[in-house]
Each structure stands twice: as structure tokens, then as C-alpha cells.
N, C-alpha and C. Protein backbone atom coordinates (compact mmCIF):
# COMPACT_ATOMS: atom_id res chain seq x y z
N MET A 1 0.78 -1.40 0.06
CA MET A 1 0.02 -0.06 0.06
C MET A 1 1.10 1.33 0.11
N GLY A 2 2.04 1.28 0.94
CA GLY A 2 2.84 2.29 0.52
C GLY A 2 2.26 3.65 1.50
N MET A 3 2.70 4.86 0.61
CA MET A 3 2.26 6.13 0.97
C MET A 3 0.49 6.22 1.15
N LEU A 4 -0.19 5.55 0.27
CA LEU A 4 -1.58 5.62 0.07
C LEU A 4 -2.23 5.40 1.44
N ALA A 5 -1.50 4.57 2.13
CA ALA A 5 -2.04 3.90 3.65
C ALA A 5 -2.22 5.08 4.34
N TYR A 6 -1.88 6.22 4.59
CA TYR A 6 -1.87 7.39 5.51
C TYR A 6 -2.64 8.14 4.99
N MET A 7 -2.54 8.55 3.53
CA MET A 7 -3.40 9.69 2.84
C MET A 7 -5.21 9.47 3.06
N LYS A 8 -5.42 10.65 2.85
CA LYS A 8 -7.04 10.61 2.56
C LYS A 8 -7.21 11.42 1.81
N ARG A 9 -8.32 10.91 0.89
CA ARG A 9 -9.09 11.15 -0.50
C ARG A 9 -9.79 12.56 -0.47
N THR A 10 -9.79 13.24 -1.13
CA THR A 10 -10.71 14.59 -0.81
C THR A 10 -10.82 14.92 -2.59
N THR A 11 -12.03 15.43 -2.53
CA THR A 11 -12.72 15.38 -3.86
C THR A 11 -12.79 17.40 -3.94
N VAL A 12 -12.10 17.82 -5.09
CA VAL A 12 -12.43 18.99 -5.39
C VAL A 12 -12.97 19.85 -6.58
N LYS A 13 -13.89 20.34 -6.50
CA LYS A 13 -14.59 20.69 -7.58
C LYS A 13 -13.73 22.28 -8.46
N LEU A 14 -13.64 21.80 -9.83
CA LEU A 14 -12.98 22.81 -10.33
C LEU A 14 -13.44 23.34 -11.82
N PRO A 15 -13.75 24.42 -11.92
CA PRO A 15 -14.15 25.08 -13.60
C PRO A 15 -12.98 24.52 -14.66
N ASP A 16 -13.99 24.26 -15.65
CA ASP A 16 -13.31 23.42 -17.08
C ASP A 16 -12.00 24.12 -17.19
N ASP A 17 -11.87 25.51 -16.88
CA ASP A 17 -10.39 25.93 -17.93
C ASP A 17 -9.64 26.06 -16.53
N LEU A 18 -9.92 26.27 -15.29
CA LEU A 18 -8.96 25.50 -14.08
C LEU A 18 -8.15 24.32 -14.08
N ASP A 19 -9.58 23.19 -14.08
CA ASP A 19 -9.05 21.67 -14.13
C ASP A 19 -7.93 21.70 -15.77
N ARG A 20 -8.06 22.00 -16.61
CA ARG A 20 -7.19 22.09 -17.66
C ARG A 20 -5.70 22.77 -17.46
N GLU A 21 -5.59 23.79 -16.75
CA GLU A 21 -4.47 24.54 -16.33
C GLU A 21 -3.76 23.44 -15.31
N VAL A 22 -4.32 22.89 -14.33
CA VAL A 22 -3.88 21.65 -13.20
C VAL A 22 -2.96 20.84 -14.18
N ARG A 23 -4.27 19.94 -15.00
CA ARG A 23 -3.45 19.11 -15.62
C ARG A 23 -2.23 19.17 -16.81
N ASP A 24 -2.74 20.26 -17.49
CA ASP A 24 -1.53 20.68 -17.95
C ASP A 24 -0.16 21.11 -17.46
N GLU A 25 -0.19 21.51 -16.13
CA GLU A 25 0.98 22.00 -15.26
C GLU A 25 1.59 20.65 -14.27
N ALA A 26 0.68 20.03 -14.32
CA ALA A 26 1.16 18.72 -13.61
C ALA A 26 1.91 17.85 -15.01
N THR A 27 1.22 17.67 -16.11
CA THR A 27 1.99 17.23 -17.30
C THR A 27 3.22 17.64 -17.26
N ARG A 28 3.49 19.11 -17.63
CA ARG A 28 4.55 19.50 -17.84
C ARG A 28 5.53 19.65 -16.37
N ARG A 29 5.26 19.17 -15.47
CA ARG A 29 6.17 19.10 -14.56
C ARG A 29 6.63 17.32 -13.98
N GLY A 30 5.97 16.66 -15.24
CA GLY A 30 5.93 15.22 -14.91
C GLY A 30 5.54 14.60 -13.64
N LEU A 31 4.16 15.20 -12.85
CA LEU A 31 3.76 14.86 -11.95
C LEU A 31 2.17 14.05 -12.30
N THR A 32 1.99 13.19 -11.10
CA THR A 32 0.73 12.87 -11.33
C THR A 32 -0.24 14.32 -10.57
N ILE A 33 -1.65 14.22 -11.33
CA ILE A 33 -2.63 15.43 -10.57
C ILE A 33 -2.34 15.44 -9.04
N SER A 34 -2.48 14.03 -8.30
CA SER A 34 -2.33 14.42 -6.94
C SER A 34 -1.23 14.94 -6.60
N GLU A 35 0.03 14.46 -7.08
CA GLU A 35 1.37 15.08 -6.71
C GLU A 35 1.48 16.25 -6.68
N TRP A 36 0.65 16.89 -7.72
CA TRP A 36 1.10 18.23 -8.08
C TRP A 36 -0.07 19.44 -6.95
N THR A 37 -1.34 18.75 -6.99
CA THR A 37 -2.24 19.41 -6.28
C THR A 37 -1.56 19.41 -4.80
N ARG A 38 -0.73 18.39 -4.19
CA ARG A 38 -0.38 17.96 -2.77
C ARG A 38 0.45 19.27 -2.72
N GLU A 39 1.24 19.29 -3.44
CA GLU A 39 2.50 20.18 -3.64
C GLU A 39 1.83 21.93 -3.37
N ALA A 40 0.74 21.81 -4.43
CA ALA A 40 0.35 23.31 -4.71
C ALA A 40 -0.35 23.77 -3.31
N ILE A 41 -1.00 22.55 -2.66
CA ILE A 41 -1.85 22.90 -1.17
C ILE A 41 -0.53 23.27 -0.39
N ALA A 42 0.26 22.43 0.09
CA ALA A 42 1.18 22.41 1.12
C ALA A 42 1.90 23.84 0.78
N ALA A 43 1.94 24.39 -0.25
CA ALA A 43 2.91 25.55 -0.64
C ALA A 43 2.12 26.88 0.35
N HIS A 44 0.81 26.85 -0.23
CA HIS A 44 0.13 27.93 0.82
C HIS A 44 -0.45 27.73 1.90
N LEU A 45 0.32 26.57 2.61
CA LEU A 45 -0.36 26.40 4.35
C LEU A 45 0.88 26.94 4.68
N PRO A 46 1.03 27.77 6.40
CA PRO A 46 1.80 27.88 6.96
C PRO A 46 2.10 26.67 7.69
N ARG A 47 3.69 26.58 7.83
CA ARG A 47 3.99 25.07 8.71
C ARG A 47 4.87 25.51 9.45
N GLN A 48 4.70 25.12 10.72
CA GLN A 48 5.35 25.31 11.69
C GLN A 48 7.16 25.02 11.57
N GLY A 49 7.80 25.93 11.64
CA GLY A 49 9.18 25.58 11.33
C GLY A 49 9.69 25.34 10.08
N ALA A 50 8.70 26.08 9.09
CA ALA A 50 9.02 26.01 7.68
C ALA A 50 9.53 27.67 7.15
N ARG A 51 10.02 27.38 6.41
CA ARG A 51 10.44 29.03 5.65
C ARG A 51 9.92 29.01 4.43
N ARG A 52 9.30 30.34 4.49
CA ARG A 52 8.82 30.55 3.28
C ARG A 52 9.95 30.58 2.01
N ARG A 53 9.56 30.50 0.70
CA ARG A 53 10.18 30.05 -0.33
C ARG A 53 10.11 31.38 -1.23
N LEU A 54 11.02 32.77 -1.24
CA LEU A 54 11.03 33.48 -1.98
C LEU A 54 11.60 33.51 -3.16
N LEU A 55 10.96 33.55 -4.53
CA LEU A 55 11.39 33.44 -5.52
C LEU A 55 12.45 34.45 -6.31
N ALA A 56 12.60 35.60 -5.20
CA ALA A 56 13.79 36.36 -5.57
C ALA A 56 15.02 36.23 -4.81
N ALA A 57 15.13 35.06 -4.13
CA ALA A 57 16.26 34.86 -3.44
C ALA A 57 17.32 34.30 -4.72
N GLY A 58 17.03 34.01 -5.68
CA GLY A 58 17.69 33.58 -6.76
C GLY A 58 18.10 34.69 -7.48
N ALA A 59 18.17 36.00 -7.27
CA ALA A 59 18.36 37.09 -7.73
C ALA A 59 19.78 37.55 -8.21
N GLY A 60 20.49 36.65 -6.93
CA GLY A 60 22.27 37.09 -6.80
C GLY A 60 22.57 36.48 -8.33
N ALA A 61 21.85 35.48 -8.91
CA ALA A 61 22.23 34.85 -9.84
C ALA A 61 22.06 35.34 -11.69
N SER A 62 21.15 36.92 -11.41
CA SER A 62 20.51 37.39 -12.67
C SER A 62 21.70 37.85 -13.63
N GLY A 63 22.98 38.18 -12.92
CA GLY A 63 23.60 38.99 -14.09
C GLY A 63 23.56 40.36 -14.07
N ARG A 64 22.51 40.78 -13.06
CA ARG A 64 22.57 42.07 -13.26
C ARG A 64 22.98 42.58 -12.06
N SER A 65 23.64 44.12 -12.15
CA SER A 65 24.23 44.97 -10.94
C SER A 65 23.23 45.59 -10.25
N ASP A 66 21.85 45.39 -10.51
CA ASP A 66 21.05 46.45 -9.78
C ASP A 66 20.52 46.02 -8.72
N ILE A 67 20.68 44.82 -8.26
CA ILE A 67 19.26 43.93 -7.88
C ILE A 67 19.44 44.80 -6.08
N SER A 68 20.65 44.98 -5.62
CA SER A 68 20.61 45.78 -4.31
C SER A 68 19.64 46.83 -4.61
N GLU A 69 20.04 47.65 -5.38
CA GLU A 69 19.39 49.25 -5.39
C GLU A 69 17.22 48.71 -5.58
N ARG A 70 17.24 47.37 -5.97
CA ARG A 70 15.90 47.27 -6.57
C ARG A 70 15.33 46.38 -5.71
N ILE A 71 15.89 45.66 -4.71
CA ILE A 71 15.45 44.49 -3.27
C ILE A 71 14.02 44.69 -3.08
N GLU A 72 13.46 46.27 -2.58
CA GLU A 72 12.51 46.50 -2.20
C GLU A 72 11.30 46.32 -3.58
N GLU A 73 11.69 46.64 -4.73
CA GLU A 73 10.64 46.45 -5.75
C GLU A 73 10.28 45.50 -5.90
N ILE A 74 11.62 44.17 -6.19
CA ILE A 74 11.67 42.81 -6.18
C ILE A 74 10.95 42.25 -5.27
N LEU A 75 11.46 42.32 -4.09
CA LEU A 75 10.64 41.49 -3.18
C LEU A 75 8.82 41.79 -2.70
N GLY A 76 8.25 43.36 -3.15
CA GLY A 76 7.39 43.44 -3.26
C GLY A 76 6.41 42.90 -4.44
N ALA A 77 7.33 42.50 -5.80
CA ALA A 77 6.50 41.80 -6.44
C ALA A 77 6.31 40.18 -6.40
N GLU A 78 7.32 39.83 -5.70
CA GLU A 78 7.48 38.25 -5.23
C GLU A 78 6.03 37.88 -4.23
N LEU A 79 6.10 38.88 -3.02
CA LEU A 79 5.27 38.86 -1.72
C LEU A 79 3.88 39.00 -2.08
N PRO A 80 2.77 38.22 -1.52
CA PRO A 80 1.52 38.42 -1.92
C PRO A 80 0.96 40.04 -1.02
N ARG A 81 0.45 40.84 -1.29
CA ARG A 81 -0.62 41.86 -0.93
C ARG A 81 -1.80 41.12 0.31
N ARG A 82 -1.09 41.86 1.17
CA ARG A 82 -2.22 41.60 2.53
C ARG A 82 -3.59 42.89 2.67
N PRO A 83 -4.32 42.83 3.06
CA PRO A 83 -5.74 43.31 2.91
C PRO A 83 -5.50 44.38 4.43
């Protein structure tokens, strides 16, 4: 049984266009829809002790020399806006 022995099945209803995007993205990444969905959900849940991955963290390898001057702009684009 392996991993499935401790997993719970959940049904999620999606509009057709979102379902297509999920399937396309899972295929593009070489994942099953279940694997991709688990990763996507986990990425949006705060986990104790987990650090948030900032997409700007790779900015140092960008080949640009103005990153330190633009860091606020870059981080502002990466982090979600809070109401």
C-alpha cells in the first residue's frame, strides 16, 4: 500500500478552465495531478518551522548589477499583498 495507506481522499470541484490548467501544469512538471495538487496546497499552508520560499532568492545569479538598489521592488512583486 505504501504512501496511500496514510492519505485521505478529498474531492475538489474545479471549473473546466482551471482543471485544464492543473492537468497541463502537472504534465509539464512530470507529476500526477495528485502530486501536483499536494505540492500546491502545501505551498499555501503555513507550517511550523517552515521557511517561505522567496522567488527573488535567486536574484544574485541574475547577471544584473542593480539588484541591491531594486530589492524592495523585487520583493514587493514576489510577496502577496495583505489587505
